[in-house]
Amino acid sequence: MKIVDKPFTRLSPGDIARPWLSVTIINPHSGKQINVLGLIDTGADECALPATYANILGHNLQGGKPKEINTGNGVTTAYSHSSQIKVGDFTVDQTLIDFMPNLSVPLLGM
C-alpha cells in the first residue's frame, strides 16, 4: 500500500482537526459492508464501532463475544465480531472488531 501524506480533517466549521480515515468494514459471513470515516486512535489496542453498525453489517450484536472495556467514560460491555477492514487497496482479513453500545464514532485502534 502506498503511504501518502494525509492531513487532519475538520468535519464541521470550528471543529478540531483530527486524524479521520475513510475505511470499509465488511462482514465476511454476510458480505454486507459499510463505508465510514473512522477516527485513528493511537491509544486504542483494537478497533471499535458503534453498536448500531452491527445490525447494518448483519451481525447479531449480543451474539458476539462479550467483554468488559475500560473507556474514558468508564467501563462498558463490547461485543466482538469477526470482520474485514479495507483501507484503499489494503485489507485486514478476519480481525475482531468491538461493537459498543455507548460509542458514537468509529475508532481505529493500533
PDB file of N, CA and C in Angstrom:
ATOM      1  N   MET A   1       0.840  -1.170   0.000  1.00  0.00           N
ATOM      2  CA  MET A   1       0.000   0.000   0.000  1.00  0.00           C
ATOM      3  C   MET A   1       0.886   1.233   0.000  1.00  0.00           C
ATOM      4  N   LYS A   2       0.590   2.152  -0.854  1.00  0.00           N
ATOM      5  CA  LYS A   2       1.349   3.387  -0.947  1.00  0.00           C
ATOM      6  C   LYS A   2       1.040   4.271   0.261  1.00  0.00           C
ATOM      7  N   ILE A   3       2.067   4.797   0.883  1.00  0.00           N
ATOM      8  CA  ILE A   3       1.891   5.700   2.011  1.00  0.00           C
ATOM      9  C   ILE A   3       1.822   7.123   1.469  1.00  0.00           C
ATOM     10  N   VAL A   4       0.793   7.853   1.877  1.00  0.00           N
ATOM     11  CA  VAL A   4       0.625   9.222   1.414  1.00  0.00           C
ATOM     12  C   VAL A   4       0.463  10.151   2.611  1.00  0.00           C
ATOM     13  N   ASP A   5       0.718  11.417   2.362  1.00  0.00           N
ATOM     14  CA  ASP A   5       0.536  12.434   3.389  1.00  0.00           C
ATOM     15  C   ASP A   5      -0.951  12.748   3.489  1.00  0.00           C
ATOM     16  N   LYS A   6      -1.551  12.470   4.634  1.00  0.00           N
ATOM     17  CA  LYS A   6      -2.984  12.683   4.835  1.00  0.00           C
ATOM     18  C   LYS A   6      -3.155  13.697   5.954  1.00  0.00           C
ATOM     19  N   PRO A   7      -3.603  14.918   5.625  1.00  0.00           N
ATOM     20  CA  PRO A   7      -3.754  15.929   6.674  1.00  0.00           C
ATOM     21  C   PRO A   7      -4.931  15.626   7.599  1.00  0.00           C
ATOM     22  N   PHE A   8      -4.880  16.162   8.807  1.00  0.00           N
ATOM     23  CA  PHE A   8      -6.006  16.055   9.723  1.00  0.00           C
ATOM     24  C   PHE A   8      -7.194  16.791   9.100  1.00  0.00           C
ATOM     25  N   THR A   9      -8.406  16.389   9.483  1.00  0.00           N
ATOM     26  CA  THR A   9      -9.624  16.908   8.868  1.00  0.00           C
ATOM     27  C   THR A   9     -10.553  17.505   9.911  1.00  0.00           C
ATOM     28  N   ARG A  10     -11.207  18.600   9.543  1.00  0.00           N
ATOM     29  CA  ARG A  10     -12.280  19.183  10.348  1.00  0.00           C
ATOM     30  C   ARG A  10     -13.599  18.743   9.713  1.00  0.00           C
ATOM     31  N   LEU A  11     -14.447  18.055  10.476  1.00  0.00           N
ATOM     32  CA  LEU A  11     -15.706  17.569   9.923  1.00  0.00           C
ATOM     33  C   LEU A  11     -16.757  18.670   9.828  1.00  0.00           C
ATOM     34  N   SER A  12     -16.613  19.698  10.646  1.00  0.00           N
ATOM     35  CA  SER A  12     -17.530  20.836  10.572  1.00  0.00           C
ATOM     36  C   SER A  12     -16.768  22.099  10.967  1.00  0.00           C
ATOM     37  N   PRO A  13     -17.270  23.271  10.548  1.00  0.00           N
ATOM     38  CA  PRO A  13     -16.577  24.516  10.884  1.00  0.00           C
ATOM     39  C   PRO A  13     -16.420  24.662  12.402  1.00  0.00           C
ATOM     40  N   GLY A  14     -15.268  25.093  12.813  1.00  0.00           N
ATOM     41  CA  GLY A  14     -14.994  25.276  14.239  1.00  0.00           C
ATOM     42  C   GLY A  14     -14.584  24.006  14.958  1.00  0.00           C
ATOM     43  N   ASP A  15     -14.657  22.880  14.268  1.00  0.00           N
ATOM     44  CA  ASP A  15     -14.271  21.598  14.856  1.00  0.00           C
ATOM     45  C   ASP A  15     -12.752  21.522  14.956  1.00  0.00           C
ATOM     46  N   ILE A  16     -12.270  20.684  15.835  1.00  0.00           N
ATOM     47  CA  ILE A  16     -10.837  20.424  15.953  1.00  0.00           C
ATOM     48  C   ILE A  16     -10.426  19.486  14.821  1.00  0.00           C
ATOM     49  N   ALA A  17      -9.316  19.784  14.162  1.00  0.00           N
ATOM     50  CA  ALA A  17      -8.809  18.899  13.114  1.00  0.00           C
ATOM     51  C   ALA A  17      -8.323  17.602  13.755  1.00  0.00           C
ATOM     52  N   ARG A  18      -8.783  16.479  13.208  1.00  0.00           N
ATOM     53  CA  ARG A  18      -8.449  15.164  13.769  1.00  0.00           C
ATOM     54  C   ARG A  18      -8.036  14.206  12.650  1.00  0.00           C
ATOM     55  N   PRO A  19      -7.394  13.081  13.034  1.00  0.00           N
ATOM     56  CA  PRO A  19      -6.957  12.104  12.019  1.00  0.00           C
ATOM     57  C   PRO A  19      -8.088  11.141  11.623  1.00  0.00           C
ATOM     58  N   TRP A  20      -8.953  11.570  10.712  1.00  0.00           N
ATOM     59  CA  TRP A  20     -10.046  10.740  10.199  1.00  0.00           C
ATOM     60  C   TRP A  20      -9.560   9.984   8.979  1.00  0.00           C
ATOM     61  N   LEU A  21     -10.006   8.741   8.829  1.00  0.00           N
ATOM     62  CA  LEU A  21      -9.606   7.907   7.700  1.00  0.00           C
ATOM     63  C   LEU A  21     -10.829   7.196   7.143  1.00  0.00           C
ATOM     64  N   SER A  22     -10.993   7.228   5.841  1.00  0.00           N
ATOM     65  CA  SER A  22     -12.104   6.540   5.187  1.00  0.00           C
ATOM     66  C   SER A  22     -11.782   5.049   5.088  1.00  0.00           C
ATOM     67  N   VAL A  23     -12.664   4.212   5.651  1.00  0.00           N
ATOM     68  CA  VAL A  23     -12.460   2.760   5.640  1.00  0.00           C
ATOM     69  C   VAL A  23     -13.766   2.065   5.270  1.00  0.00           C
ATOM     70  N   THR A  24     -13.648   0.849   4.808  1.00  0.00           N
ATOM     71  CA  THR A  24     -14.801  -0.013   4.549  1.00  0.00           C
ATOM     72  C   THR A  24     -14.732  -1.171   5.528  1.00  0.00           C
ATOM     73  N   ILE A  25     -15.839  -1.404   6.238  1.00  0.00           N
ATOM     74  CA  ILE A  25     -15.945  -2.524   7.172  1.00  0.00           C
ATOM     75  C   ILE A  25     -16.847  -3.558   6.517  1.00  0.00           C
ATOM     76  N   ILE A  26     -16.414  -4.816   6.494  1.00  0.00           N
ATOM     77  CA  ILE A  26     -17.148  -5.885   5.815  1.00  0.00           C
ATOM     78  C   ILE A  26     -17.384  -7.038   6.776  1.00  0.00           C
ATOM     79  N   ASN A  27     -18.616  -7.545   6.772  1.00  0.00           N
ATOM     80  CA  ASN A  27     -18.922  -8.780   7.491  1.00  0.00           C
ATOM     81  C   ASN A  27     -18.598  -9.912   6.515  1.00  0.00           C
ATOM     82  N   PRO A  28     -17.550 -10.702   6.767  1.00  0.00           N
ATOM     83  CA  PRO A  28     -17.159 -11.745   5.825  1.00  0.00           C
ATOM     84  C   PRO A  28     -18.189 -12.871   5.697  1.00  0.00           C
ATOM     85  N   HIS A  29     -19.102 -12.975   6.655  1.00  0.00           N
ATOM     86  CA  HIS A  29     -20.101 -14.037   6.629  1.00  0.00           C
ATOM     87  C   HIS A  29     -21.332 -13.657   5.794  1.00  0.00           C
ATOM     88  N   SER A  30     -21.714 -12.376   5.841  1.00  0.00           N
ATOM     89  CA  SER A  30     -22.903 -11.936   5.105  1.00  0.00           C
ATOM     90  C   SER A  30     -22.545 -11.179   3.828  1.00  0.00           C
ATOM     91  N   GLY A  31     -21.310 -10.692   3.744  1.00  0.00           N
ATOM     92  CA  GLY A  31     -20.905  -9.879   2.602  1.00  0.00           C
ATOM     93  C   GLY A  31     -21.360  -8.426   2.711  1.00  0.00           C
ATOM     94  N   LYS A  32     -22.145  -8.105   3.736  1.00  0.00           N
ATOM     95  CA  LYS A  32     -22.606  -6.729   3.905  1.00  0.00           C
ATOM     96  C   LYS A  32     -21.432  -5.848   4.301  1.00  0.00           C
ATOM     97  N   GLN A  33     -21.479  -4.596   3.836  1.00  0.00           N
ATOM     98  CA  GLN A  33     -20.384  -3.687   4.127  1.00  0.00           C
ATOM     99  C   GLN A  33     -20.898  -2.276   4.362  1.00  0.00           C
ATOM    100  N   ILE A  34     -20.063  -1.469   4.996  1.00  0.00           N
ATOM    101  CA  ILE A  34     -20.385  -0.084   5.265  1.00  0.00           C
ATOM    102  C   ILE A  34     -19.113   0.743   5.125  1.00  0.00           C
ATOM    103  N   ASN A  35     -19.239   1.911   4.488  1.00  0.00           N
ATOM    104  CA  ASN A  35     -18.125   2.842   4.362  1.00  0.00           C
ATOM    105  C   ASN A  35     -18.282   3.891   5.454  1.00  0.00           C
ATOM    106  N   VAL A  36     -17.224   4.110   6.221  1.00  0.00           N
ATOM    107  CA  VAL A  36     -17.283   5.048   7.342  1.00  0.00           C
ATOM    108  C   VAL A  36     -16.017   5.886   7.407  1.00  0.00           C
ATOM    109  N   LEU A  37     -16.122   7.009   8.094  1.00  0.00           N
ATOM    110  CA  LEU A  37     -14.946   7.763   8.491  1.00  0.00           C
ATOM    111  C   LEU A  37     -14.613   7.316   9.897  1.00  0.00           C
ATOM    112  N   GLY A  38     -13.427   6.788  10.083  1.00  0.00           N
ATOM    113  CA  GLY A  38     -13.001   6.328  11.394  1.00  0.00           C
ATOM    114  C   GLY A  38     -11.955   7.263  11.966  1.00  0.00           C
ATOM    115  N   LEU A  39     -12.017   7.474  13.265  1.00  0.00           N
ATOM    116  CA  LEU A  39     -11.039   8.305  13.956  1.00  0.00           C
ATOM    117  C   LEU A  39      -9.860   7.422  14.364  1.00  0.00           C
ATOM    118  N   ILE A  40      -8.684   7.759  13.886  1.00  0.00           N
ATOM    119  CA  ILE A  40      -7.490   6.993  14.268  1.00  0.00           C
ATOM    120  C   ILE A  40      -7.202   7.272  15.733  1.00  0.00           C
ATOM    121  N   ASP A  41      -7.179   6.210  16.531  1.00  0.00           N
ATOM    122  CA  ASP A  41      -6.990   6.318  17.979  1.00  0.00           C
ATOM    123  C   ASP A  41      -5.723   5.569  18.354  1.00  0.00           C
ATOM    124  N   THR A  42      -4.622   6.297  18.451  1.00  0.00           N
ATOM    125  CA  THR A  42      -3.333   5.658  18.731  1.00  0.00           C
ATOM    126  C   THR A  42      -3.249   5.089  20.138  1.00  0.00           C
ATOM    127  N   GLY A  43      -4.202   5.439  21.008  1.00  0.00           N
ATOM    128  CA  GLY A  43      -4.217   4.895  22.359  1.00  0.00           C
ATOM    129  C   GLY A  43      -5.057   3.648  22.487  1.00  0.00           C
ATOM    130  N   ALA A  44      -5.717   3.248  21.417  1.00  0.00           N
ATOM    131  CA  ALA A  44      -6.583   2.067  21.449  1.00  0.00           C
ATOM    132  C   ALA A  44      -5.854   0.860  20.863  1.00  0.00           C
ATOM    133  N   ASP A  45      -6.015  -0.280  21.510  1.00  0.00           N
ATOM    134  CA  ASP A  45      -5.381  -1.506  21.031  1.00  0.00           C
ATOM    135  C   ASP A  45      -6.195  -2.202  19.947  1.00  0.00           C
ATOM    136  N   GLU A  46      -7.481  -1.892  19.864  1.00  0.00           N
ATOM    137  CA  GLU A  46      -8.372  -2.556  18.916  1.00  0.00           C
ATOM    138  C   GLU A  46      -9.268  -1.533  18.238  1.00  0.00           C
ATOM    139  N   CYS A  47      -9.960  -1.970  17.207  1.00  0.00           N
ATOM    140  CA  CYS A  47     -10.935  -1.129  16.528  1.00  0.00           C
ATOM    141  C   CYS A  47     -12.294  -1.323  17.185  1.00  0.00           C
ATOM    142  N   ALA A  48     -13.075  -0.250  17.213  1.00  0.00           N
ATOM    143  CA  ALA A  48     -14.399  -0.318  17.816  1.00  0.00           C
ATOM    144  C   ALA A  48     -15.379   0.488  16.969  1.00  0.00           C
ATOM    145  N   LEU A  49     -16.598  -0.033  16.874  1.00  0.00           N
ATOM    146  CA  LEU A  49     -17.659   0.630  16.115  1.00  0.00           C
ATOM    147  C   LEU A  49     -18.877   0.815  16.995  1.00  0.00           C
ATOM    148  N   PRO A  50     -19.692   1.833  16.694  1.00  0.00           N
ATOM    149  CA  PRO A  50     -20.968   1.960  17.409  1.00  0.00           C
ATOM    150  C   PRO A  50     -21.808   0.697  17.226  1.00  0.00           C
ATOM    151  N   ALA A  51     -22.545   0.325  18.252  1.00  0.00           N
ATOM    152  CA  ALA A  51     -23.346  -0.908  18.232  1.00  0.00           C
ATOM    153  C   ALA A  51     -24.337  -0.942  17.069  1.00  0.00           C
ATOM    154  N   THR A  52     -24.850   0.202  16.651  1.00  0.00           N
ATOM    155  CA  THR A  52     -25.835   0.233  15.562  1.00  0.00           C
ATOM    156  C   THR A  52     -25.265  -0.303  14.252  1.00  0.00           C
ATOM    157  N   TYR A  53     -23.952  -0.264  14.094  1.00  0.00           N
ATOM    158  CA  TYR A  53     -23.331  -0.773  12.872  1.00  0.00           C
ATOM    159  C   TYR A  53     -23.411  -2.293  12.780  1.00  0.00           C
ATOM    160  N   ALA A  54     -23.522  -2.975  13.915  1.00  0.00           N
ATOM    161  CA  ALA A  54     -23.599  -4.445  13.905  1.00  0.00           C
ATOM    162  C   ALA A  54     -24.792  -4.908  13.072  1.00  0.00           C
ATOM    163  N   ASN A  55     -25.945  -4.308  13.286  1.00  0.00           N
ATOM    164  CA  ASN A  55     -27.144  -4.681  12.554  1.00  0.00           C
ATOM    165  C   ASN A  55     -27.002  -4.375  11.063  1.00  0.00           C
ATOM    166  N   ILE A  56     -26.430  -3.224  10.733  1.00  0.00           N
ATOM    167  CA  ILE A  56     -26.222  -2.850   9.328  1.00  0.00           C
ATOM    168  C   ILE A  56     -25.359  -3.895   8.623  1.00  0.00           C
ATOM    169  N   LEU A  57     -24.384  -4.428   9.338  1.00  0.00           N
ATOM    170  CA  LEU A  57     -23.469  -5.411   8.761  1.00  0.00           C
ATOM    171  C   LEU A  57     -24.000  -6.843   8.831  1.00  0.00           C
ATOM    172  N   GLY A  58     -25.161  -7.030   9.462  1.00  0.00           N
ATOM    173  CA  GLY A  58     -25.735  -8.368   9.545  1.00  0.00           C
ATOM    174  C   GLY A  58     -25.231  -9.180  10.720  1.00  0.00           C
ATOM    175  N   HIS A  59     -24.616  -8.523  11.697  1.00  0.00           N
ATOM    176  CA  HIS A  59     -24.190  -9.207  12.920  1.00  0.00           C
ATOM    177  C   HIS A  59     -25.316  -9.142  13.944  1.00  0.00           C
ATOM    178  N   ASN A  60     -25.467 -10.178  14.743  1.00  0.00           N
ATOM    179  CA  ASN A  60     -26.337 -10.141  15.913  1.00  0.00           C
ATOM    180  C   ASN A  60     -25.475  -9.579  17.040  1.00  0.00           C
ATOM    181  N   LEU A  61     -25.723  -8.337  17.426  1.00  0.00           N
ATOM    182  CA  LEU A  61     -24.846  -7.641  18.370  1.00  0.00           C
ATOM    183  C   LEU A  61     -24.490  -8.502  19.567  1.00  0.00           C
ATOM    184  N   GLN A  62     -25.484  -8.968  20.296  1.00  0.00           N
ATOM    185  CA  GLN A  62     -25.215  -9.708  21.526  1.00  0.00           C
ATOM    186  C   GLN A  62     -24.815 -11.156  21.271  1.00  0.00           C
ATOM    187  N   GLY A  63     -24.799 -11.577  20.004  1.00  0.00           N
ATOM    188  CA  GLY A  63     -24.300 -12.897  19.641  1.00  0.00           C
ATOM    189  C   GLY A  63     -22.784 -12.926  19.561  1.00  0.00           C
ATOM    190  N   GLY A  64     -22.159 -11.738  19.620  1.00  0.00           N
ATOM    191  CA  GLY A  64     -20.703 -11.659  19.599  1.00  0.00           C
ATOM    192  C   GLY A  64     -20.131 -11.991  20.963  1.00  0.00           C
ATOM    193  N   LYS A  65     -18.819 -12.104  21.013  1.00  0.00           N
ATOM    194  CA  LYS A  65     -18.140 -12.419  22.275  1.00  0.00           C
ATOM    195  C   LYS A  65     -18.159 -11.173  23.164  1.00  0.00           C
ATOM    196  N   PRO A  66     -18.857 -11.235  24.322  1.00  0.00           N
ATOM    197  CA  PRO A  66     -18.912 -10.064  25.197  1.00  0.00           C
ATOM    198  C   PRO A  66     -17.625  -9.894  26.002  1.00  0.00           C
ATOM    199  N   LYS A  67     -17.274  -8.634  26.273  1.00  0.00           N
ATOM    200  CA  LYS A  67     -16.121  -8.357  27.125  1.00  0.00           C
ATOM    201  C   LYS A  67     -16.269  -6.963  27.725  1.00  0.00           C
ATOM    202  N   GLU A  68     -15.683  -6.799  28.894  1.00  0.00           N
ATOM    203  CA  GLU A  68     -15.696  -5.510  29.585  1.00  0.00           C
ATOM    204  C   GLU A  68     -14.537  -4.664  29.065  1.00  0.00           C
ATOM    205  N   ILE A  69     -14.834  -3.401  28.750  1.00  0.00           N
ATOM    206  CA  ILE A  69     -13.828  -2.494  28.212  1.00  0.00           C
ATOM    207  C   ILE A  69     -13.756  -1.248  29.090  1.00  0.00           C
ATOM    208  N   ASN A  70     -12.546  -0.830  29.420  1.00  0.00           N
ATOM    209  CA  ASN A  70     -12.347   0.433  30.130  1.00  0.00           C
ATOM    210  C   ASN A  70     -12.194   1.549  29.109  1.00  0.00           C
ATOM    211  N   THR A  71     -13.068   2.555  29.202  1.00  0.00           N
ATOM    212  CA  THR A  71     -13.015   3.691  28.287  1.00  0.00           C
ATOM    213  C   THR A  71     -12.843   4.974  29.095  1.00  0.00           C
ATOM    214  N   GLY A  72     -12.718   6.076  28.389  1.00  0.00           N
ATOM    215  CA  GLY A  72     -12.648   7.370  29.054  1.00  0.00           C
ATOM    216  C   GLY A  72     -13.932   7.700  29.795  1.00  0.00           C
ATOM    217  N   ASN A  73     -15.035   7.040  29.413  1.00  0.00           N
ATOM    218  CA  ASN A  73     -16.337   7.259  30.059  1.00  0.00           C
ATOM    219  C   ASN A  73     -16.664   6.193  31.098  1.00  0.00           C
ATOM    220  N   GLY A  74     -15.712   5.336  31.412  1.00  0.00           N
ATOM    221  CA  GLY A  74     -15.951   4.283  32.388  1.00  0.00           C
ATOM    222  C   GLY A  74     -15.950   2.903  31.737  1.00  0.00           C
ATOM    223  N   VAL A  75     -16.456   1.915  32.460  1.00  0.00           N
ATOM    224  CA  VAL A  75     -16.477   0.530  31.986  1.00  0.00           C
ATOM    225  C   VAL A  75     -17.763   0.287  31.196  1.00  0.00           C
ATOM    226  N   THR A  76     -17.634  -0.395  30.057  1.00  0.00           N
ATOM    227  CA  THR A  76     -18.792  -0.740  29.235  1.00  0.00           C
ATOM    228  C   THR A  76     -18.601  -2.139  28.670  1.00  0.00           C
ATOM    229  N   THR A  77     -19.672  -2.724  28.168  1.00  0.00           N
ATOM    230  CA  THR A  77     -19.599  -4.037  27.533  1.00  0.00           C
ATOM    231  C   THR A  77     -19.502  -3.857  26.024  1.00  0.00           C
ATOM    232  N   ALA A  78     -18.574  -4.566  25.422  1.00  0.00           N
ATOM    233  CA  ALA A  78     -18.416  -4.580  23.970  1.00  0.00           C
ATOM    234  C   ALA A  78     -18.669  -6.003  23.487  1.00  0.00           C
ATOM    235  N   TYR A  79     -19.098  -6.115  22.239  1.00  0.00           N
ATOM    236  CA  TYR A  79     -19.357  -7.421  21.635  1.00  0.00           C
ATOM    237  C   TYR A  79     -18.479  -7.546  20.396  1.00  0.00           C
ATOM    238  N   SER A  80     -17.567  -8.517  20.404  1.00  0.00           N
ATOM    239  CA  SER A  80     -16.609  -8.690  19.310  1.00  0.00           C
ATOM    240  C   SER A  80     -17.178  -9.581  18.214  1.00  0.00           C
ATOM    241  N   HIS A  81     -16.978  -9.140  16.980  1.00  0.00           N
ATOM    242  CA  HIS A  81     -17.402  -9.904  15.804  1.00  0.00           C
ATOM    243  C   HIS A  81     -16.273  -9.912  14.781  1.00  0.00           C
ATOM    244  N   SER A  82     -16.123 -11.012  14.091  1.00  0.00           N
ATOM    245  CA  SER A  82     -15.131 -11.146  13.034  1.00  0.00           C
ATOM    246  C   SER A  82     -15.532 -10.249  11.863  1.00  0.00           C
ATOM    247  N   SER A  83     -14.584  -9.457  11.382  1.00  0.00           N
ATOM    248  CA  SER A  83     -14.847  -8.509  10.306  1.00  0.00           C
ATOM    249  C   SER A  83     -13.599  -8.332   9.456  1.00  0.00           C
ATOM    250  N   GLN A  84     -13.780  -7.638   8.337  1.00  0.00           N
ATOM    251  CA  GLN A  84     -12.663  -7.228   7.493  1.00  0.00           C
ATOM    252  C   GLN A  84     -12.639  -5.709   7.484  1.00  0.00           C
ATOM    253  N   ILE A  85     -11.450  -5.140   7.386  1.00  0.00           N
ATOM    254  CA  ILE A  85     -11.291  -3.702   7.269  1.00  0.00           C
ATOM    255  C   ILE A  85     -10.496  -3.433   5.995  1.00  0.00           C
ATOM    256  N   LYS A  86     -11.036  -2.552   5.144  1.00  0.00           N
ATOM    257  CA  LYS A  86     -10.333  -2.167   3.919  1.00  0.00           C
ATOM    258  C   LYS A  86     -10.007  -0.688   3.975  1.00  0.00           C
ATOM    259  N   VAL A  87      -8.742  -0.392   3.681  1.00  0.00           N
ATOM    260  CA  VAL A  87      -8.282   0.984   3.538  1.00  0.00           C
ATOM    261  C   VAL A  87      -7.609   1.055   2.177  1.00  0.00           C
ATOM    262  N   GLY A  88      -8.261   1.709   1.239  1.00  0.00           N
ATOM    263  CA  GLY A  88      -7.723   1.732  -0.124  1.00  0.00           C
ATOM    264  C   GLY A  88      -7.631   0.318  -0.665  1.00  0.00           C
ATOM    265  N   ASP A  89      -6.445  -0.087  -1.115  1.00  0.00           N
ATOM    266  CA  ASP A  89      -6.273  -1.444  -1.652  1.00  0.00           C
ATOM    267  C   ASP A  89      -5.710  -2.413  -0.607  1.00  0.00           C
ATOM    268  N   PHE A  90      -5.636  -1.990   0.644  1.00  0.00           N
ATOM    269  CA  PHE A  90      -5.120  -2.820   1.733  1.00  0.00           C
ATOM    270  C   PHE A  90      -6.286  -3.384   2.536  1.00  0.00           C
ATOM    271  N   THR A  91      -6.271  -4.705   2.791  1.00  0.00           N
ATOM    272  CA  THR A  91      -7.344  -5.359   3.542  1.00  0.00           C
ATOM    273  C   THR A  91      -6.777  -6.122   4.729  1.00  0.00           C
ATOM    274  N   VAL A  92      -7.425  -5.959   5.869  1.00  0.00           N
ATOM    275  CA  VAL A  92      -7.124  -6.771   7.048  1.00  0.00           C
ATOM    276  C   VAL A  92      -8.246  -7.795   7.139  1.00  0.00           C
ATOM    277  N   ASP A  93      -7.928  -9.062   6.921  1.00  0.00           N
ATOM    278  CA  ASP A  93      -8.931 -10.132   6.931  1.00  0.00           C
ATOM    279  C   ASP A  93      -9.157 -10.684   8.328  1.00  0.00           C
ATOM    280  N   GLN A  94     -10.395 -11.076   8.593  1.00  0.00           N
ATOM    281  CA  GLN A  94     -10.758 -11.832   9.798  1.00  0.00           C
ATOM    282  C   GLN A  94     -10.160 -11.259  11.078  1.00  0.00           C
ATOM    283  N   THR A  95     -10.422 -10.002  11.328  1.00  0.00           N
ATOM    284  CA  THR A  95     -10.000  -9.388  12.578  1.00  0.00           C
ATOM    285  C   THR A  95     -11.229  -9.159  13.452  1.00  0.00           C
ATOM    286  N   LEU A  96     -11.043  -9.145  14.755  1.00  0.00           N
ATOM    287  CA  LEU A  96     -12.170  -8.892  15.647  1.00  0.00           C
ATOM    288  C   LEU A  96     -12.352  -7.391  15.830  1.00  0.00           C
ATOM    289  N   ILE A  97     -13.577  -6.939  15.678  1.00  0.00           N
ATOM    290  CA  ILE A  97     -13.942  -5.552  15.928  1.00  0.00           C
ATOM    291  C   ILE A  97     -14.938  -5.544  17.066  1.00  0.00           C
ATOM    292  N   ASP A  98     -14.740  -4.620  18.006  1.00  0.00           N
ATOM    293  CA  ASP A  98     -15.654  -4.472  19.130  1.00  0.00           C
ATOM    294  C   ASP A  98     -16.791  -3.531  18.740  1.00  0.00           C
ATOM    295  N   PHE A  99     -18.021  -3.976  18.955  1.00  0.00           N
ATOM    296  CA  PHE A  99     -19.200  -3.145  18.732  1.00  0.00           C
ATOM    297  C   PHE A  99     -19.678  -2.709  20.108  1.00  0.00           C
ATOM    298  N   MET A 100     -19.766  -1.370  20.306  1.00  0.00           N
ATOM    299  CA  MET A 100     -20.007  -0.832  21.642  1.00  0.00           C
ATOM    300  C   MET A 100     -21.274   0.027  21.675  1.00  0.00           C
ATOM    301  N   PRO A 101     -22.206  -0.291  22.588  1.00  0.00           N
ATOM    302  CA  PRO A 101     -23.464   0.448  22.687  1.00  0.00           C
ATOM    303  C   PRO A 101     -23.318   1.944  22.958  1.00  0.00           C
ATOM    304  N   ASN A 102     -22.315   2.380  23.682  1.00  0.00           N
ATOM    305  CA  ASN A 102     -22.209   3.796  24.034  1.00  0.00           C
ATOM    306  C   ASN A 102     -21.211   4.570  23.176  1.00  0.00           C
ATOM    307  N   LEU A 103     -20.818   4.004  22.060  1.00  0.00           N
ATOM    308  CA  LEU A 103     -19.829   4.658  21.191  1.00  0.00           C
ATOM    309  C   LEU A 103     -20.552   5.431  20.078  1.00  0.00           C
ATOM    310  N   SER A 104     -20.081   6.632  19.765  1.00  0.00           N
ATOM    311  CA  SER A 104     -20.773   7.430  18.755  1.00  0.00           C
ATOM    312  C   SER A 104     -20.015   7.521  17.430  1.00  0.00           C
ATOM    313  N   VAL A 105     -18.699   7.258  17.425  1.00  0.00           N
ATOM    314  CA  VAL A 105     -17.922   7.311  16.196  1.00  0.00           C
ATOM    315  C   VAL A 105     -17.042   6.074  16.070  1.00  0.00           C
ATOM    316  N   PRO A 106     -16.753   5.627  14.844  1.00  0.00           N
ATOM    317  CA  PRO A 106     -15.828   4.504  14.672  1.00  0.00           C
ATOM    318  C   PRO A 106     -14.427   4.892  15.133  1.00  0.00           C
ATOM    319  N   LEU A 107     -13.808   4.013  15.907  1.00  0.00           N
ATOM    320  CA  LEU A 107     -12.437   4.222  16.384  1.00  0.00           C
ATOM    321  C   LEU A 107     -11.532   3.175  15.757  1.00  0.00           C
ATOM    322  N   LEU A 108     -10.455   3.645  15.158  1.00  0.00           N
ATOM    323  CA  LEU A 108      -9.495   2.749  14.516  1.00  0.00           C
ATOM    324  C   LEU A 108      -8.277   2.640  15.405  1.00  0.00           C
ATOM    325  N   GLY A 109      -8.211   1.554  16.164  1.00  0.00           N
ATOM    326  CA  GLY A 109      -7.106   1.334  17.096  1.00  0.00           C
ATOM    327  C   GLY A 109      -5.860   0.859  16.384  1.00  0.00           C
ATOM    328  N   MET A 110      -4.788   0.878  17.120  1.00  0.00           N
ATOM    329  CA  MET A 110      -3.488   0.485  16.573  1.00  0.00           C
ATOM    330  C   MET A 110      -3.227  -0.958  16.855  1.00  0.00           C
TER     331      MET A 110
END
